[in-house]
Amino acid sequence: MAADPDREWSVPAVHHGEVLAVPDLAVDTDRWPEFAAVARDLGYRAILAVPMVLDGRTIGGLNVLYSQPTDFDRDDHRLGALLGALAVLELTQETGDQRADRLAERTLGLLNDRVHAGQATGFVAGTLDVSPARARGLLDDYSRLHAIPLRELARRITDGTLHPVELTETDAIETE
């Protein structure tokens, strides 16, 4: 989900409430070169960004990533809009005038967790000299094996209380 429209690549989805489709990130690299490169490194080839709307106000965006180039059609756009609406519905099981603000706060918290996980992934990849996808896999495996939420594991990695090499111990345990 995108909650900071000034820093996200999906500005049209957030600012204008428009669906944004990029059928092939390997072809469309000029608009968001950094995002496209990271997405491709993680194995994604296409993206559909849809607005998340609450009470007629766009409060964020939902990015649906695809592992293959995709020719998006009208049905894909409608399905994306439905996913966005369902995400808003799930996040807004509250009532009252302040629910949009509470949802925005939650969305920013989730975005912050994603950014922190991304920083940890980059740190692990750089330290262990592995691909970002492999680094994220190590984080996910360690998180699952040790029952540590990913946001907590990311914090431990970035604050130095857990060294990235400790994540590789998971590989040795799983192969025994």
N, C-alpha and C. Protein backbone atom coordinates (compact mmCIF):
# COMPACT_ATOMS: atom_id res chain seq x y z
N MET A 1 0.83 -1.17 0.00
CA MET A 1 0.00 0.00 0.00
C MET A 1 0.88 1.24 0.00
N ALA A 2 0.45 2.23 -0.68
CA ALA A 2 1.21 3.47 -0.77
C ALA A 2 0.48 4.56 0.01
N ALA A 3 1.18 5.15 0.99
CA ALA A 3 0.55 6.19 1.78
C ALA A 3 1.26 7.53 1.66
N ASP A 4 2.43 7.56 1.09
CA ASP A 4 3.19 8.79 0.94
C ASP A 4 3.26 9.12 -0.54
N PRO A 5 2.29 9.88 -1.07
CA PRO A 5 2.21 10.08 -2.51
C PRO A 5 3.39 10.83 -3.10
N ASP A 6 4.14 11.56 -2.31
CA ASP A 6 5.27 12.29 -2.86
C ASP A 6 6.48 11.39 -3.08
N ARG A 7 6.51 10.21 -2.46
CA ARG A 7 7.67 9.33 -2.57
C ARG A 7 7.36 8.05 -3.33
N GLU A 8 6.12 7.77 -3.59
CA GLU A 8 5.76 6.53 -4.24
C GLU A 8 5.70 6.70 -5.75
N TRP A 9 5.95 5.64 -6.45
CA TRP A 9 5.92 5.68 -7.91
C TRP A 9 4.49 5.76 -8.41
N SER A 10 3.53 5.36 -7.59
CA SER A 10 2.13 5.28 -8.04
C SER A 10 1.36 6.55 -7.75
N VAL A 11 1.97 7.70 -7.96
CA VAL A 11 1.34 8.99 -7.68
C VAL A 11 -0.02 9.14 -8.36
N PRO A 12 -0.20 8.78 -9.64
CA PRO A 12 -1.54 8.95 -10.23
C PRO A 12 -2.63 8.20 -9.48
N ALA A 13 -2.33 7.01 -8.96
CA ALA A 13 -3.33 6.24 -8.23
C ALA A 13 -3.71 6.95 -6.93
N VAL A 14 -2.74 7.55 -6.27
CA VAL A 14 -3.00 8.19 -4.99
C VAL A 14 -3.52 9.61 -5.17
N HIS A 15 -2.85 10.42 -5.96
CA HIS A 15 -3.23 11.83 -6.10
C HIS A 15 -4.54 12.03 -6.85
N HIS A 16 -4.72 11.30 -7.92
CA HIS A 16 -5.85 11.57 -8.80
C HIS A 16 -6.91 10.48 -8.79
N GLY A 17 -6.70 9.44 -7.99
CA GLY A 17 -7.66 8.36 -7.96
C GLY A 17 -7.72 7.57 -9.24
N GLU A 18 -6.61 7.53 -9.98
CA GLU A 18 -6.56 6.84 -11.26
C GLU A 18 -5.80 5.52 -11.14
N VAL A 19 -6.23 4.53 -11.89
CA VAL A 19 -5.52 3.27 -11.96
C VAL A 19 -4.29 3.46 -12.84
N LEU A 20 -3.18 2.92 -12.43
CA LEU A 20 -1.94 2.99 -13.21
C LEU A 20 -1.51 1.56 -13.50
N ALA A 21 -1.30 1.27 -14.78
CA ALA A 21 -0.86 -0.06 -15.18
C ALA A 21 0.46 0.04 -15.92
N VAL A 22 1.42 -0.79 -15.52
CA VAL A 22 2.70 -0.90 -16.21
C VAL A 22 2.82 -2.36 -16.63
N PRO A 23 2.55 -2.66 -17.91
CA PRO A 23 2.51 -4.04 -18.38
C PRO A 23 3.86 -4.77 -18.32
N ASP A 24 4.97 -4.03 -18.48
CA ASP A 24 6.27 -4.67 -18.46
C ASP A 24 7.31 -3.71 -17.89
N LEU A 25 7.77 -3.99 -16.69
CA LEU A 25 8.75 -3.12 -16.02
C LEU A 25 10.11 -3.14 -16.71
N ALA A 26 10.35 -4.14 -17.55
CA ALA A 26 11.61 -4.18 -18.29
C ALA A 26 11.58 -3.20 -19.46
N VAL A 27 10.40 -2.85 -19.93
CA VAL A 27 10.25 -1.93 -21.05
C VAL A 27 10.06 -0.50 -20.55
N ASP A 28 9.18 -0.32 -19.56
CA ASP A 28 8.86 1.00 -19.03
C ASP A 28 9.77 1.31 -17.85
N THR A 29 10.99 1.76 -18.14
CA THR A 29 11.98 2.02 -17.09
C THR A 29 12.27 3.50 -16.90
N ASP A 30 11.76 4.36 -17.77
CA ASP A 30 12.11 5.78 -17.72
C ASP A 30 11.41 6.54 -16.59
N ARG A 31 10.16 6.21 -16.30
CA ARG A 31 9.40 7.00 -15.33
C ARG A 31 9.89 6.79 -13.90
N TRP A 32 10.21 5.54 -13.53
CA TRP A 32 10.62 5.23 -12.15
C TRP A 32 11.78 4.24 -12.20
N PRO A 33 12.94 4.67 -12.65
CA PRO A 33 14.03 3.72 -12.86
C PRO A 33 14.44 2.96 -11.60
N GLU A 34 14.46 3.63 -10.44
CA GLU A 34 14.88 2.96 -9.21
C GLU A 34 13.85 1.90 -8.80
N PHE A 35 12.58 2.28 -8.82
CA PHE A 35 11.53 1.33 -8.46
C PHE A 35 11.53 0.14 -9.42
N ALA A 36 11.59 0.43 -10.72
CA ALA A 36 11.55 -0.64 -11.72
C ALA A 36 12.71 -1.61 -11.53
N ALA A 37 13.90 -1.09 -11.24
CA ALA A 37 15.07 -1.96 -11.06
C ALA A 37 14.89 -2.86 -9.84
N VAL A 38 14.43 -2.30 -8.73
CA VAL A 38 14.24 -3.10 -7.52
C VAL A 38 13.15 -4.14 -7.74
N ALA A 39 12.05 -3.73 -8.35
CA ALA A 39 10.95 -4.67 -8.60
C ALA A 39 11.42 -5.82 -9.49
N ARG A 40 12.17 -5.50 -10.53
CA ARG A 40 12.69 -6.57 -11.42
C ARG A 40 13.64 -7.48 -10.65
N ASP A 41 14.51 -6.91 -9.80
CA ASP A 41 15.43 -7.72 -9.01
C ASP A 41 14.68 -8.69 -8.09
N LEU A 42 13.50 -8.28 -7.64
CA LEU A 42 12.70 -9.13 -6.76
C LEU A 42 11.81 -10.09 -7.54
N GLY A 43 11.90 -10.06 -8.86
CA GLY A 43 11.16 -11.01 -9.68
C GLY A 43 9.83 -10.52 -10.21
N TYR A 44 9.54 -9.23 -10.10
CA TYR A 44 8.28 -8.70 -10.60
C TYR A 44 8.48 -8.08 -11.97
N ARG A 45 7.47 -8.27 -12.85
CA ARG A 45 7.59 -7.78 -14.22
C ARG A 45 6.50 -6.80 -14.60
N ALA A 46 5.39 -6.75 -13.85
CA ALA A 46 4.30 -5.84 -14.17
C ALA A 46 3.64 -5.38 -12.87
N ILE A 47 2.96 -4.24 -12.96
CA ILE A 47 2.30 -3.72 -11.76
C ILE A 47 1.02 -2.99 -12.13
N LEU A 48 0.05 -3.13 -11.26
CA LEU A 48 -1.21 -2.41 -11.37
C LEU A 48 -1.40 -1.67 -10.05
N ALA A 49 -1.43 -0.34 -10.10
CA ALA A 49 -1.62 0.48 -8.91
C ALA A 49 -3.03 1.03 -8.92
N VAL A 50 -3.77 0.78 -7.85
CA VAL A 50 -5.15 1.23 -7.78
C VAL A 50 -5.35 2.11 -6.55
N PRO A 51 -6.22 3.11 -6.66
CA PRO A 51 -6.47 3.98 -5.51
C PRO A 51 -7.29 3.25 -4.44
N MET A 52 -7.04 3.61 -3.20
CA MET A 52 -7.86 3.15 -2.08
C MET A 52 -8.69 4.35 -1.66
N VAL A 53 -10.01 4.22 -1.79
CA VAL A 53 -10.91 5.35 -1.58
C VAL A 53 -11.80 5.09 -0.37
N LEU A 54 -11.89 6.12 0.48
CA LEU A 54 -12.76 6.07 1.65
C LEU A 54 -13.55 7.36 1.72
N ASP A 55 -14.86 7.23 1.79
CA ASP A 55 -15.73 8.41 1.87
C ASP A 55 -15.45 9.40 0.75
N GLY A 56 -15.21 8.89 -0.46
CA GLY A 56 -14.97 9.74 -1.62
C GLY A 56 -13.59 10.37 -1.68
N ARG A 57 -12.72 10.01 -0.75
CA ARG A 57 -11.37 10.59 -0.68
C ARG A 57 -10.34 9.48 -0.87
N THR A 58 -9.38 9.72 -1.77
CA THR A 58 -8.31 8.75 -1.96
C THR A 58 -7.36 8.85 -0.78
N ILE A 59 -7.19 7.72 -0.08
CA ILE A 59 -6.37 7.72 1.14
C ILE A 59 -5.08 6.93 0.98
N GLY A 60 -4.90 6.31 -0.16
CA GLY A 60 -3.69 5.53 -0.39
C GLY A 60 -3.81 4.78 -1.69
N GLY A 61 -2.84 3.92 -1.92
CA GLY A 61 -2.86 3.13 -3.13
C GLY A 61 -2.46 1.70 -2.83
N LEU A 62 -3.00 0.78 -3.59
CA LEU A 62 -2.68 -0.64 -3.46
C LEU A 62 -1.95 -1.05 -4.73
N ASN A 63 -0.74 -1.56 -4.58
CA ASN A 63 0.05 -1.99 -5.73
C ASN A 63 -0.02 -3.51 -5.84
N VAL A 64 -0.49 -3.99 -6.98
CA VAL A 64 -0.58 -5.41 -7.26
C VAL A 64 0.55 -5.74 -8.23
N LEU A 65 1.48 -6.57 -7.78
CA LEU A 65 2.67 -6.90 -8.57
C LEU A 65 2.50 -8.26 -9.23
N TYR A 66 3.00 -8.37 -10.45
CA TYR A 66 2.88 -9.60 -11.25
C TYR A 66 4.27 -10.11 -11.60
N SER A 67 4.43 -11.42 -11.61
CA SER A 67 5.74 -12.00 -11.91
C SER A 67 6.00 -12.13 -13.41
N GLN A 68 5.00 -11.87 -14.23
CA GLN A 68 5.13 -11.95 -15.69
C GLN A 68 4.61 -10.66 -16.31
N PRO A 69 5.14 -10.27 -17.47
CA PRO A 69 4.54 -9.13 -18.18
C PRO A 69 3.05 -9.42 -18.40
N THR A 70 2.23 -8.40 -18.27
CA THR A 70 0.78 -8.60 -18.29
C THR A 70 0.13 -7.52 -19.14
N ASP A 71 -0.70 -7.94 -20.08
CA ASP A 71 -1.50 -6.99 -20.86
C ASP A 71 -2.78 -6.75 -20.10
N PHE A 72 -2.82 -5.66 -19.35
CA PHE A 72 -3.97 -5.35 -18.51
C PHE A 72 -5.16 -4.93 -19.36
N ASP A 73 -6.31 -5.47 -19.04
CA ASP A 73 -7.54 -5.09 -19.74
C ASP A 73 -8.53 -4.50 -18.74
N ARG A 74 -9.71 -4.20 -19.21
CA ARG A 74 -10.74 -3.58 -18.38
C ARG A 74 -11.07 -4.44 -17.15
N ASP A 75 -11.11 -5.77 -17.32
CA ASP A 75 -11.40 -6.66 -16.19
C ASP A 75 -10.30 -6.59 -15.14
N ASP A 76 -9.04 -6.48 -15.56
CA ASP A 76 -7.93 -6.34 -14.61
C ASP A 76 -8.09 -5.06 -13.79
N HIS A 77 -8.47 -3.99 -14.44
CA HIS A 77 -8.68 -2.72 -13.75
C HIS A 77 -9.83 -2.83 -12.75
N ARG A 78 -10.90 -3.49 -13.15
CA ARG A 78 -12.04 -3.66 -12.24
C ARG A 78 -11.66 -4.55 -11.06
N LEU A 79 -10.91 -5.61 -11.32
CA LEU A 79 -10.46 -6.50 -10.25
C LEU A 79 -9.53 -5.75 -9.29
N GLY A 80 -8.65 -4.94 -9.84
CA GLY A 80 -7.77 -4.13 -8.99
C GLY A 80 -8.57 -3.17 -8.12
N ALA A 81 -9.57 -2.53 -8.70
CA ALA A 81 -10.42 -1.61 -7.94
C ALA A 81 -11.15 -2.36 -6.83
N LEU A 82 -11.60 -3.57 -7.13
CA LEU A 82 -12.27 -4.39 -6.12
C LEU A 82 -11.31 -4.75 -4.99
N LEU A 83 -10.09 -5.12 -5.32
CA LEU A 83 -9.09 -5.42 -4.29
C LEU A 83 -8.82 -4.19 -3.42
N GLY A 84 -8.71 -3.03 -4.04
CA GLY A 84 -8.53 -1.79 -3.29
C GLY A 84 -9.69 -1.53 -2.34
N ALA A 85 -10.90 -1.73 -2.83
CA ALA A 85 -12.09 -1.52 -2.00
C ALA A 85 -12.15 -2.52 -0.85
N LEU A 86 -11.79 -3.76 -1.12
CA LEU A 86 -11.78 -4.77 -0.06
C LEU A 86 -10.72 -4.46 1.00
N ALA A 87 -9.56 -3.96 0.56
CA ALA A 87 -8.51 -3.57 1.51
C ALA A 87 -9.01 -2.45 2.41
N VAL A 88 -9.68 -1.46 1.83
CA VAL A 88 -10.23 -0.36 2.63
C VAL A 88 -11.29 -0.91 3.58
N LEU A 89 -12.15 -1.77 3.08
CA LEU A 89 -13.21 -2.34 3.92
C LEU A 89 -12.61 -3.07 5.12
N GLU A 90 -11.62 -3.87 4.88
CA GLU A 90 -10.98 -4.63 5.97
C GLU A 90 -10.34 -3.69 6.99
N LEU A 91 -9.70 -2.66 6.50
CA LEU A 91 -9.01 -1.74 7.40
C LEU A 91 -9.95 -0.78 8.12
N THR A 92 -11.17 -0.70 7.68
CA THR A 92 -12.09 0.28 8.27
C THR A 92 -13.28 -0.38 8.95
N GLN A 93 -13.03 -1.37 9.70
CA GLN A 93 -14.12 -2.01 10.44
C GLN A 93 -14.51 -1.16 11.65
N GLU A 94 -14.28 0.11 11.56
CA GLU A 94 -14.65 1.07 12.59
C GLU A 94 -15.63 2.06 11.98
N THR A 95 -16.31 2.79 12.82
CA THR A 95 -17.21 3.83 12.34
C THR A 95 -16.81 5.15 12.98
N GLY A 96 -17.36 6.23 12.48
CA GLY A 96 -17.09 7.53 13.06
C GLY A 96 -16.39 8.44 12.08
N ASP A 97 -16.36 9.71 12.45
CA ASP A 97 -15.79 10.74 11.59
C ASP A 97 -14.29 10.61 11.41
N GLN A 98 -13.59 10.00 12.35
CA GLN A 98 -12.14 9.95 12.31
C GLN A 98 -11.59 8.69 11.65
N ARG A 99 -12.44 7.85 11.09
CA ARG A 99 -11.94 6.58 10.56
C ARG A 99 -10.96 6.76 9.41
N ALA A 100 -11.15 7.75 8.56
CA ALA A 100 -10.20 7.97 7.47
C ALA A 100 -8.83 8.34 8.02
N ASP A 101 -8.80 9.16 9.06
CA ASP A 101 -7.53 9.53 9.67
C ASP A 101 -6.88 8.32 10.34
N ARG A 102 -7.67 7.49 11.02
CA ARG A 102 -7.12 6.28 11.65
C ARG A 102 -6.58 5.32 10.59
N LEU A 103 -7.30 5.20 9.48
CA LEU A 103 -6.84 4.33 8.40
C LEU A 103 -5.53 4.86 7.82
N ALA A 104 -5.45 6.17 7.61
CA ALA A 104 -4.22 6.75 7.09
C ALA A 104 -3.06 6.49 8.05
N GLU A 105 -3.33 6.60 9.35
CA GLU A 105 -2.29 6.33 10.35
C GLU A 105 -1.83 4.88 10.28
N ARG A 106 -2.79 3.95 10.18
CA ARG A 106 -2.43 2.53 10.06
C ARG A 106 -1.65 2.27 8.77
N THR A 107 -2.11 2.90 7.69
CA THR A 107 -1.44 2.71 6.41
C THR A 107 0.00 3.20 6.47
N LEU A 108 0.20 4.35 7.10
CA LEU A 108 1.57 4.86 7.26
C LEU A 108 2.40 3.92 8.12
N GLY A 109 1.80 3.34 9.15
CA GLY A 109 2.51 2.36 9.98
C GLY A 109 2.92 1.15 9.17
N LEU A 110 2.00 0.66 8.33
CA LEU A 110 2.33 -0.49 7.47
C LEU A 110 3.42 -0.13 6.47
N LEU A 111 3.32 1.08 5.91
CA LEU A 111 4.34 1.52 4.97
C LEU A 111 5.69 1.61 5.66
N ASN A 112 5.71 2.15 6.87
CA ASN A 112 6.95 2.25 7.63
C ASN A 112 7.55 0.86 7.87
N ASP A 113 6.69 -0.12 8.21
CA ASP A 113 7.18 -1.49 8.39
C ASP A 113 7.78 -2.03 7.10
N ARG A 114 7.12 -1.74 5.96
CA ARG A 114 7.63 -2.20 4.67
C ARG A 114 8.97 -1.55 4.35
N VAL A 115 9.09 -0.26 4.63
CA VAL A 115 10.35 0.44 4.38
C VAL A 115 11.45 -0.15 5.26
N HIS A 116 11.14 -0.39 6.51
CA HIS A 116 12.13 -0.97 7.43
C HIS A 116 12.55 -2.37 6.94
N ALA A 117 11.58 -3.17 6.50
CA ALA A 117 11.90 -4.50 5.97
C ALA A 117 12.76 -4.37 4.71
N GLY A 118 12.48 -3.37 3.89
CA GLY A 118 13.29 -3.14 2.70
C GLY A 118 14.71 -2.75 3.05
N GLN A 119 14.87 -1.92 4.07
CA GLN A 119 16.21 -1.54 4.52
C GLN A 119 16.96 -2.76 5.04
N ALA A 120 16.27 -3.59 5.82
CA ALA A 120 16.91 -4.79 6.34
C ALA A 120 17.29 -5.73 5.19
N THR A 121 16.41 -5.84 4.20
CA THR A 121 16.70 -6.69 3.04
C THR A 121 17.95 -6.20 2.32
N GLY A 122 18.03 -4.90 2.10
CA GLY A 122 19.20 -4.33 1.44
C GLY A 122 20.46 -4.53 2.25
N PHE A 123 20.36 -4.35 3.57
CA PHE A 123 21.52 -4.53 4.44
C PHE A 123 22.00 -5.98 4.41
N VAL A 124 21.05 -6.92 4.48
CA VAL A 124 21.40 -8.35 4.43
C VAL A 124 22.02 -8.69 3.08
N ALA A 125 21.41 -8.20 1.99
CA ALA A 125 21.93 -8.48 0.65
C ALA A 125 23.35 -7.96 0.51
N GLY A 126 23.58 -6.74 0.96
CA GLY A 126 24.92 -6.15 0.85
C GLY A 126 25.93 -6.84 1.73
N THR A 127 25.55 -7.17 2.95
CA THR A 127 26.48 -7.81 3.90
C THR A 127 26.84 -9.22 3.46
N LEU A 128 25.85 -9.97 2.99
CA LEU A 128 26.09 -11.37 2.62
C LEU A 128 26.41 -11.55 1.14
N ASP A 129 26.37 -10.45 0.37
CA ASP A 129 26.63 -10.49 -1.06
C ASP A 129 25.69 -11.48 -1.77
N VAL A 130 24.38 -11.31 -1.51
CA VAL A 130 23.35 -12.12 -2.15
C VAL A 130 22.35 -11.18 -2.81
N SER A 131 21.50 -11.73 -3.64
CA SER A 131 20.47 -10.92 -4.30
C SER A 131 19.44 -10.44 -3.29
N PRO A 132 18.73 -9.36 -3.60
CA PRO A 132 17.66 -8.92 -2.70
C PRO A 132 16.60 -10.00 -2.47
N ALA A 133 16.28 -10.76 -3.51
CA ALA A 133 15.28 -11.82 -3.35
C ALA A 133 15.77 -12.88 -2.36
N ARG A 134 17.04 -13.24 -2.45
CA ARG A 134 17.62 -14.23 -1.52
C ARG A 134 17.65 -13.67 -0.11
N ALA A 135 18.02 -12.39 0.03
CA ALA A 135 18.05 -11.76 1.35
C ALA A 135 16.66 -11.76 1.97
N ARG A 136 15.64 -11.42 1.19
CA ARG A 136 14.27 -11.41 1.72
C ARG A 136 13.84 -12.82 2.10
N GLY A 137 14.25 -13.81 1.31
CA GLY A 137 13.94 -15.19 1.66
C GLY A 137 14.57 -15.61 2.98
N LEU A 138 15.81 -15.18 3.20
CA LEU A 138 16.48 -15.49 4.48
C LEU A 138 15.73 -14.84 5.64
N LEU A 139 15.32 -13.58 5.46
CA LEU A 139 14.56 -12.89 6.51
C LEU A 139 13.23 -13.62 6.78
N ASP A 140 12.52 -13.96 5.72
CA ASP A 140 11.23 -14.64 5.88
C ASP A 140 11.40 -16.00 6.57
N ASP A 141 12.41 -16.76 6.15
CA ASP A 141 12.66 -18.08 6.75
C ASP A 141 13.00 -17.96 8.23
N TYR A 142 13.88 -17.03 8.57
CA TYR A 142 14.30 -16.83 9.96
C TYR A 142 13.10 -16.38 10.80
N SER A 143 12.32 -15.48 10.26
CA SER A 143 11.14 -14.98 10.95
C SER A 143 10.18 -16.12 11.27
N ARG A 144 9.93 -16.96 10.28
CA ARG A 144 9.01 -18.09 10.45
C ARG A 144 9.56 -19.11 11.43
N LEU A 145 10.84 -19.49 11.27
CA LEU A 145 11.45 -20.52 12.09
C LEU A 145 11.53 -20.11 13.56
N HIS A 146 11.79 -18.84 13.81
CA HIS A 146 11.96 -18.37 15.19
C HIS A 146 10.73 -17.64 15.73
N ALA A 147 9.64 -17.64 14.96
CA ALA A 147 8.39 -16.99 15.37
C ALA A 147 8.61 -15.54 15.79
N ILE A 148 9.37 -14.82 14.98
CA ILE A 148 9.63 -13.40 15.22
C ILE A 148 8.95 -12.63 14.10
N PRO A 149 8.08 -11.69 14.44
CA PRO A 149 7.45 -10.88 13.38
C PRO A 149 8.52 -10.21 12.51
N LEU A 150 8.25 -10.12 11.22
CA LEU A 150 9.23 -9.56 10.29
C LEU A 150 9.63 -8.15 10.68
N ARG A 151 8.69 -7.33 11.15
CA ARG A 151 9.04 -5.95 11.53
C ARG A 151 10.04 -5.95 12.68
N GLU A 152 9.90 -6.89 13.63
CA GLU A 152 10.83 -6.98 14.76
C GLU A 152 12.20 -7.48 14.27
N LEU A 153 12.18 -8.46 13.39
CA LEU A 153 13.45 -8.97 12.83
C LEU A 153 14.17 -7.88 12.05
N ALA A 154 13.43 -7.11 11.27
CA ALA A 154 14.02 -6.00 10.51
C ALA A 154 14.66 -5.00 11.46
N ARG A 155 13.98 -4.69 12.56
CA ARG A 155 14.55 -3.77 13.55
C ARG A 155 15.85 -4.32 14.13
N ARG A 156 15.86 -5.62 14.45
CA ARG A 156 17.06 -6.24 15.02
C ARG A 156 18.23 -6.20 14.03
N ILE A 157 17.93 -6.41 12.76
CA ILE A 157 18.98 -6.37 11.74
C ILE A 157 19.53 -4.95 11.61
N THR A 158 18.63 -3.97 11.50
CA THR A 158 19.08 -2.60 11.25
C THR A 158 19.69 -1.94 12.47
N ASP A 159 19.33 -2.38 13.69
CA ASP A 159 19.96 -1.76 14.86
C ASP A 159 21.19 -2.53 15.34
N GLY A 160 21.51 -3.64 14.65
CA GLY A 160 22.74 -4.36 14.95
C GLY A 160 22.64 -5.41 16.03
N THR A 161 21.46 -5.65 16.59
CA THR A 161 21.35 -6.67 17.62
C THR A 161 21.35 -8.08 17.04
N LEU A 162 21.15 -8.19 15.75
CA LEU A 162 21.24 -9.48 15.05
C LEU A 162 22.06 -9.26 13.78
N HIS A 163 23.12 -10.03 13.63
CA HIS A 163 23.98 -9.89 12.45
C HIS A 163 23.38 -10.72 11.30
N PRO A 164 23.44 -10.22 10.08
CA PRO A 164 22.88 -10.95 8.94
C PRO A 164 23.40 -12.38 8.79
N VAL A 165 24.63 -12.63 9.17
CA VAL A 165 25.16 -13.98 9.01
C VAL A 165 24.37 -14.99 9.85
N GLU A 166 23.74 -14.52 10.93
CA GLU A 166 22.92 -15.41 11.75
C GLU A 166 21.70 -15.93 10.99
N LEU A 167 21.27 -15.19 9.99
CA LEU A 167 20.14 -15.64 9.17
C LEU A 167 20.48 -16.89 8.38
N THR A 168 21.76 -17.05 8.04
CA THR A 168 22.16 -18.22 7.24
C THR A 168 22.17 -19.49 8.05
N GLU A 169 22.14 -19.37 9.37
CA GLU A 169 22.07 -20.57 10.21
C GLU A 169 20.76 -21.31 9.98
N THR A 170 19.75 -20.58 9.52
CA THR A 170 18.46 -21.19 9.20
C THR A 170 18.64 -22.19 8.07
N ASP A 171 19.48 -21.84 7.07
CA ASP A 171 19.75 -22.75 5.94
C ASP A 171 20.32 -24.06 6.43
N ALA A 172 21.28 -24.01 7.36
CA ALA A 172 21.92 -25.22 7.86
C ALA A 172 20.93 -26.09 8.61
N ILE A 173 20.03 -25.48 9.39
CA ILE A 173 19.04 -26.23 10.14
C ILE A 173 18.06 -26.92 9.20
N GLU A 174 17.61 -26.20 8.16
CA GLU A 174 16.61 -26.77 7.25
C GLU A 174 17.16 -27.85 6.35
N THR A 175 18.49 -27.89 6.12
CA THR A 175 19.05 -28.90 5.22
C THR A 175 19.50 -30.15 5.97
N GLU A 176 19.49 -30.09 7.30
CA GLU A 176 19.90 -31.28 8.08
C GLU A 176 18.83 -32.32 8.12
